[in-house]
Amino acid sequence: MKARGLPMPYGNQAMNSSSPQVTPGTSRPSNSSLNLPNLAAGPSPGSFPPNQRSSSDSRQFTSPQPSGLYPPNMSYPPNSSSGSTQPVSGMTPTPVGPQTTPIRPRYPQQVGYNQAASPYASPVVNQPNNMQPPPSAYNSSPLPPTSTYNSSPLPPTSAYNSSTLPPGNTAYNSSPLPPPTSAYNSSPQPPYPQQMPTSQYQGSLPEGPVGGVSGYDPQLHAKMAGMSVHNSFSRLWGNDSINLLQDRNILPPVPIEPPKPVLTPERPNCSPDVFRCTLTKVPDTSSLLQKSRLPFGILLHPFRDAASLSVIQCNTIVRCRNCRTYINPFVTFVDQRRWKCNLCFRVNDLPEEFLYDPSTRSYGDPSRRPEIKNATMEYIAPSDYMLRPPQPAVYLFLLDVSHGAVETGYLQTFCKVMLENLNELPGDSRMRIGFITFDGSIHFYNLGEGLNQPHMLVVSDIEDVFLPSPDNLLVNVHESKSLITDLLTDLPKRFAMNGDINCCLGAALQVAYKLMSPVGGRVTVVQTALPNYGPGALKNREDPNQRAGKDISNIGPANDFYKKLALDCSGQQIAVDLFLLCSQYVDIATISCISKFSSGCIHYYPGYHEKLCRLQVSKFAGDVKRYLTRRIGFEAVMRVRCTRGLAIHTFHGNFFVRSTDLLSLPNVNPDTGYGMQIAIEESLTEYNSVCFQAAVLYTSSNGERRIRVHTLCLPVVSILQDVLGGADQEAVIGLVSKMAVDRSVSSSLSDARDALINVCIDVLGVYKATMHGQVAGALMSPYSTRLTPLFILALLKHVAFRTGISTKLDERVFAMERMKALPLQYLMKYIYPALYPVHALDEKNAIHQDDDVIIPQPVILQLSSEKIDRHGAYILDTFDVLYLYIGRAINDQFCTSVLNVPNFSAIPDDLESLPELATPESERMRAFVAWLQEQRPYHSPLKIIREDSRDRHIFLQHMLDDRTESLFSYYEFLQHIRQQISK
């Protein structure tokens, strides 16, 4: 195989481990940027060769320093051809930020108070709260048999190369597409002729009809049986392969099930909805990981809403005395009084009360404790876990009331939703609330008890902001509810004629920080214009002529004003959330720093207008309702621990890194996810398995200090094929998308796109090298990574990374921010939407709920226009919006029974909801749409698009498998990958 030199260019900043603390308001120290290692066979340890491109390409791509995908200290293949290192042109190290913080910890390392637990939404107490043993005599029972459950993962090693994806509008020579298979979404075809030897079956099968039954074909039976057994066992062990060029219907017709780690003996593992690793089989050496060319990392959704959660309260929370790991299902009991930690392997004493089983109220086997039977636990923390009394729930709302904001009409919608959900805000009797409005000046509202109406206080000097009144700006919700109601009712009318076009967002945030500093809490900002006045004022940096270019500038922040303020807020346990409702450029790249570094969240509604864009109004109202009523945790910290020999070197998400493995989260919510890249620093050959544990320590809205703990265990393997067969393709895409965002900011968008392409070339190239027999013209893939090219192509065509299509800078940056913060199950729908045929919904495979509601489950189609029939109707689930696309030749019966119109021509262009009709077709359609909307935290409105509608392009632009002016079709993309691998 010919070596090629295009690297996997991902950029991440490295954090100096010697200075874990960063004073709020200052930039963090930075080491060199982290980049993916060269995919070519060639670099010597610690060095990266320049990219080799054709002589016709004037650009010279080079790869700087260590990779963001693989650990900086990873060794490279010995058979390298070049060891020179050249930095990427124009690339300079950037300060480490909370959303991406490369770290080089040395495990175990304890910093500060090291308790943290992982959130998992609604606390349903499955265990008695009082975990204390009764005052009876203390008895014990024999200890369960001990077993070793310790191990640790490692990094990959292999040399492979890739090249840049050529422009889609150039001449492309590819073989003709194979004819589509008869049944859509068929199961993957066997790769190529590799049937089992007939000798294994001949002799065991009858030579003629059995029992006198005619029509029996022994040869056909043997052939089919051989294929079935072979494929089944290969699939079971993750060694099945598939020819991607042969099977065009690669997407399964049902939702993709995450791979389940196979453990011996089997233990209760963490739910994949909460904790997933890119590799379900961890390689036992760093070199093996590098050979696989797969990214190694974990994806967390720690505070996810859950139907049930084991919550316990006890005097002593059992933890390892060395690394502070919480006891979990994967520890080993040495004897009745001692247990061995599964992360650092220290033997610890077992408290006597741990032998008490709360479910049976008896003493005995410690393995029956809920901590051993559940991989996710929540503890009600004792006073030892409190640095101060738990803070009350405090909410402050900063509302833009400038002329442009009033024109959008958002105040009416926001205030209405606030009034409807005021009683649903999470909090106890101490809950406090406040409001500040701003335009060219700042308006405070005194809501003190005893006043007849709210008093507005105006501060016009925004260069030196101050609090006009120290009291009654944050008031108890229950005591001042009538004044709060009056204010929300009056606000839209009060500023209806406001002509001030200035926006002093920076000053408003500064005064919010002063107001909230003594207690901490959550600041909610609703912004509609570019801040143009006072501290933090910004200028328009977008060039409309460059929206479709290959390299997009100004993806990063213009200054560090909002970042420094965010660090100050994080230090005082204040999180800032943004709702951006804009029709013009607002510089999300800069403003978003106030949320990213304070563990906040960002919402964006481009083109919002109350009358002109009803879809955005519906989504905004639904999102605000969810935002106000969802579960929330205050003054939280999260620590992620892993087995000795492993280390976390890069974090992805919205937070501030307090130390090498401790994240500061002033607020934690159930709609945010995090990613971590893992390095293998020591050999794991002596381990059978490795473990990761995430713990989030937080204050609930009711004032309880709680710890949520998640533990994930994975087996360790020593064979390359096992590593490849154990890849979790969705987790790989989730982690790679976050790394690509960092690369876009630290280097360039084109480098990030090259790196995404290299992911496919690397993984499939490595697999090709492991195969003994190869078929000319085939593109073989492990079954575990068969969808990786499909998803990578979707990323290349996504708003965040696409080129050749005019894309507003704010829309691109917001898409990148979402990729960093969305949990994996939502992120995959955001990257590759789901397409369902709904013109003939039936009860086959339907979900039957207790209330006699039948939810149809139609098959999932690949995103290609060839799957769209003029006689059909289709729902496209893009995570944000549900599009119902109706073909021109749709049956009149469908129009009558579902849409309450006689035919296609009578469907209104502005139809925004399904009518409630007493027909089976209508009930099934509405049940299915409602079910889809319930699968996500925020509201996804339904938009109906006719085939002849002017909005038809919105639906068709999501047909990601089709060719565009600037990018290949899916089949052409596979051909390109095959050509690059064959070089």
Foldseek 3Di string as FASTA:
>chain_A
DDWFAQALFFWFWEADQVPLFDDFLDFGDTDWIAAGATQTQAAFFFAGAWGDDDPVDPDTGFHAAHHPQFDRRFGADPPHDDHHHDHGPPFDHDTHFLQKYFYDDAPPDDDDDDFFFFAAADEDAPFDAELFAPPDDFDEAWEPDWDAFAFAFFAEYAHHHFDFDDWQQDDDDDDDQDDADPDAQDEFDQADPDFDPLVVPPPVDDPADPPPDHPDDRVVVSRVVRVVVVQVVCLVLLNGKGFLSVHVRLDHQADDDFDDFDDVVDAAAFDPLAKDWQFLAGAQYHHHNRLLLFGTWMKGLGNAHDPYAHEYEYPDQDADPPRRHGQAQNWTAPTPFWIADRAARDIDGDDSSLQQARVVSHGYYSCNHPRNRHQKHKYQDDPVPDPDFFFAAEEEEEEELAPQSLQQVVLVLLLVLCVVCVVQFQADQQYKYAYWYDFQWIWAWQQDAPDPEIDIDIDNPLQDDDDPDLPRRIGGCVRRVVRSNRCSVCVSVVSNPHHRHAGQVLSVLVHVCVNQLVGAHEYEYEEEAAHCHHPPHDDDPDDLVCQQPQWDPLLAAPDCSLLSSLSSNLVSLYAYEYEYEYQDDHSCNHNVNNHQAQVYYYHYHHPRHVPPCVQSSVQVSQFSNLVRNFWKWAFKKKFKGKHNQKAWGIKRTRFGRSRSGMTTHRMDGSFWMMMTGMHGRDGRVVRQKMKMKMKMFTATNHRTTMIMMGMRMHGYDHDSSSRQSRGQQLVSLLVLLLSLLSSCVSRTLSSSLSSLLVSVLSNQLSVVVPDDDDDPPTRMGRSNNSCSLVLSLLSCLALQRDHNDRHTSVVNSVVNNCSRIGRSVLVSCLSAWWKFWQLDFDQVVWDQDPVRQTATSGTTGALACVVDDLQTWMWTCNSQAIEIEHHQNHDQVSCCQWAVDRHLVPRDQFDFDIDDDPDPSNSNVVRNVVVVQVVHSGGHTYHYHYCPDPCVVVSSSSSSQPDDSTDHHSSSSSVSSVVRSVD
